[in-house]
Amino acid sequence: MRNSDIVSSVLVLAIVAIFGLQLRSGVTFFGLVFPRAVLWGLGLSAAGLLVATLVRGQAPKKDIEAPQLGTVFLVLLLMAVWIVAMNWLGFYVTSVVVFGLQMLLIDPNARNPKAFIRSIVGVAVELAVFYVAFSTLLEVPLPRGILF
């Protein structure tokens, strides 16, 4: 039994319940098809993980470490900067910079220059895919700033 499996499955079930209760108001039938499918998938996966974790019955393993409050505060501050700077610098540039800073802050392995460059290139490519998917395929306008 792993603490993180139990905690994460209970949190996901709570999120599914909260969003499931909100789906009932003001949405058309066809507008509910995809959100319901996602909620059912998440709920069944979380319930399956919870049951599998409890049935295994292994000795508890403390694999969750509480982050330092200073780190949590800095991550929240970076997210606030990301939201504010997005309209000025644009979605793509702001996201790459803020996520890069968060990697340096959270992951000690990312402080290795070679690992950081590899990670930031991965983030840049993933964000480029998201940007193209949202702006062209889904026609969802993302903030464009002075840089991009």
Protein backbone atom coordinates (compact mmCIF):
# COMPACT_ATOMS: atom_id res chain seq x y z
CA MET A 1 0.00 0.00 0.00
CA ARG A 2 1.54 3.27 -1.07
CA ASN A 3 0.49 6.51 0.49
CA SER A 4 0.79 8.45 -2.76
CA ASP A 5 -1.54 6.01 -4.56
CA ILE A 6 -4.18 6.38 -1.88
CA VAL A 7 -3.86 10.16 -1.65
CA SER A 8 -3.88 10.72 -5.39
CA SER A 9 -6.84 8.41 -6.03
CA VAL A 10 -8.91 10.05 -3.27
CA LEU A 11 -8.03 13.53 -4.59
CA VAL A 12 -9.00 12.58 -8.15
CA LEU A 13 -12.28 11.07 -6.92
CA ALA A 14 -13.02 14.31 -5.04
CA ILE A 15 -12.26 16.38 -8.14
CA VAL A 16 -14.49 14.12 -10.26
CA ALA A 17 -17.32 14.55 -7.73
CA ILE A 18 -16.94 18.34 -7.67
CA PHE A 19 -16.91 18.68 -11.46
CA GLY A 20 -19.64 16.05 -11.86
CA LEU A 21 -21.99 18.09 -9.70
CA GLN A 22 -21.30 21.21 -11.76
CA LEU A 23 -22.08 19.54 -15.10
CA ARG A 24 -25.82 19.58 -14.51
CA SER A 25 -26.43 23.28 -14.99
CA GLY A 26 -26.76 25.14 -18.26
CA VAL A 27 -25.01 22.75 -20.65
CA THR A 28 -26.58 21.14 -23.70
CA PHE A 29 -26.73 17.37 -24.08
CA PHE A 30 -24.00 17.30 -26.73
CA GLY A 31 -21.90 19.69 -24.68
CA LEU A 32 -21.91 17.12 -21.88
CA VAL A 33 -20.71 14.14 -23.90
CA PHE A 34 -16.95 14.78 -23.72
CA PRO A 35 -16.80 16.09 -20.12
CA ARG A 36 -18.83 13.13 -18.91
CA ALA A 37 -16.57 10.69 -20.75
CA VAL A 38 -13.48 12.29 -19.20
CA LEU A 39 -15.03 12.27 -15.72
CA TRP A 40 -16.06 8.62 -16.06
CA GLY A 41 -12.57 7.67 -17.25
CA LEU A 42 -10.89 9.57 -14.42
CA GLY A 43 -13.31 8.24 -11.83
CA LEU A 44 -12.98 4.62 -12.89
CA SER A 45 -9.19 4.88 -13.08
CA ALA A 46 -8.95 6.48 -9.64
CA ALA A 47 -11.36 3.96 -8.12
CA GLY A 48 -9.39 1.11 -9.70
CA LEU A 49 -6.13 2.46 -8.31
CA LEU A 50 -7.65 2.83 -4.86
CA VAL A 51 -9.08 -0.69 -4.85
CA ALA A 52 -5.87 -2.21 -6.23
CA THR A 53 -3.78 -0.38 -3.65
CA LEU A 54 -6.00 -1.47 -0.75
CA VAL A 55 -6.31 -5.09 -1.97
CA ARG A 56 -2.55 -5.56 -2.38
CA GLY A 57 -2.18 -5.08 1.36
CA GLN A 58 1.56 -4.46 1.36
CA ALA A 59 3.20 -2.64 4.22
CA PRO A 60 2.72 1.12 4.03
CA LYS A 61 5.53 3.00 2.40
CA LYS A 62 5.97 6.66 3.21
CA ASP A 63 6.80 7.96 -0.23
CA ILE A 64 5.28 11.42 0.08
CA GLU A 65 7.45 14.22 1.35
CA ALA A 66 5.94 17.56 2.22
CA PRO A 67 7.59 20.36 0.25
CA GLN A 68 9.13 23.27 2.05
CA LEU A 69 6.73 26.19 2.39
CA GLY A 70 9.24 28.56 0.81
CA THR A 71 9.35 26.42 -2.33
CA VAL A 72 5.56 26.24 -2.47
CA PHE A 73 5.35 30.03 -2.10
CA LEU A 74 7.90 30.59 -4.88
CA VAL A 75 6.06 28.20 -7.22
CA LEU A 76 2.77 30.03 -6.56
CA LEU A 77 4.52 33.36 -7.11
CA LEU A 78 5.93 32.11 -10.42
CA MET A 79 2.45 31.00 -11.48
CA ALA A 80 1.11 34.49 -10.69
CA VAL A 81 3.96 36.02 -12.72
CA TRP A 82 3.15 33.61 -15.54
CA ILE A 83 -0.47 34.76 -15.63
CA VAL A 84 0.40 38.47 -15.51
CA ALA A 85 3.31 38.33 -17.96
CA MET A 86 1.45 36.19 -20.50
CA ASN A 87 -0.47 39.12 -21.95
CA TRP A 88 2.71 41.15 -22.25
CA LEU A 89 5.25 38.56 -23.46
CA GLY A 90 2.86 36.01 -24.96
CA PHE A 91 1.85 32.49 -24.03
CA TYR A 92 4.78 30.61 -25.54
CA VAL A 93 7.70 32.71 -24.31
CA THR A 94 6.27 33.21 -20.83
CA SER A 95 5.48 29.52 -20.46
CA VAL A 96 8.96 28.36 -21.48
CA VAL A 97 10.64 30.83 -19.11
CA VAL A 98 8.37 30.16 -16.11
CA PHE A 99 8.37 26.39 -16.52
CA GLY A 100 12.17 26.46 -16.85
CA LEU A 101 12.44 28.44 -13.62
CA GLN A 102 10.07 26.03 -11.90
CA MET A 103 12.19 23.07 -13.01
CA LEU A 104 15.26 24.71 -11.49
CA LEU A 105 13.35 25.41 -8.30
CA ILE A 106 11.69 22.02 -7.82
CA ASP A 107 14.00 19.43 -9.37
CA PRO A 108 17.59 19.24 -8.09
CA ASN A 109 18.54 17.15 -11.14
CA ALA A 110 17.59 20.04 -13.43
CA ARG A 111 20.40 22.12 -11.94
CA ASN A 112 22.82 20.10 -14.03
CA PRO A 113 23.31 22.25 -17.18
CA LYS A 114 23.08 19.30 -19.58
CA ALA A 115 19.89 17.97 -17.96
CA PHE A 116 18.39 21.46 -17.83
CA ILE A 117 19.00 22.09 -21.54
CA ARG A 118 17.47 18.72 -22.40
CA SER A 119 14.44 19.46 -20.21
CA ILE A 120 13.93 23.00 -21.51
CA VAL A 121 14.09 21.75 -25.11
CA GLY A 122 11.45 19.15 -24.23
CA VAL A 123 9.27 21.83 -22.63
CA ALA A 124 9.72 24.12 -25.64
CA VAL A 125 8.73 21.37 -28.09
CA GLU A 126 5.73 20.31 -25.99
CA LEU A 127 4.53 23.90 -25.66
CA ALA A 128 4.94 24.40 -29.40
CA VAL A 129 2.69 21.39 -30.00
CA PHE A 130 0.11 22.78 -27.55
CA TYR A 131 0.34 26.21 -29.17
CA VAL A 132 -0.23 24.84 -32.68
CA ALA A 133 -3.02 22.53 -31.49
CA PHE A 134 -4.88 25.29 -29.70
CA SER A 135 -4.32 28.15 -32.14
CA THR A 136 -4.85 26.31 -35.43
CA LEU A 137 -6.68 23.05 -34.84
CA LEU A 138 -9.01 24.16 -32.03
CA GLU A 139 -9.02 27.84 -33.04
CA VAL A 140 -8.55 28.93 -29.42
CA PRO A 141 -6.65 32.22 -29.37
CA LEU A 142 -3.70 32.19 -27.02
CA PRO A 143 -2.12 35.45 -25.80
CA ARG A 144 0.39 36.90 -28.23
CA GLY A 145 2.88 39.25 -26.74
CA ILE A 146 5.64 41.47 -28.00
CA LEU A 147 8.00 38.53 -28.49
CA PHE A 148 5.68 35.83 -29.91
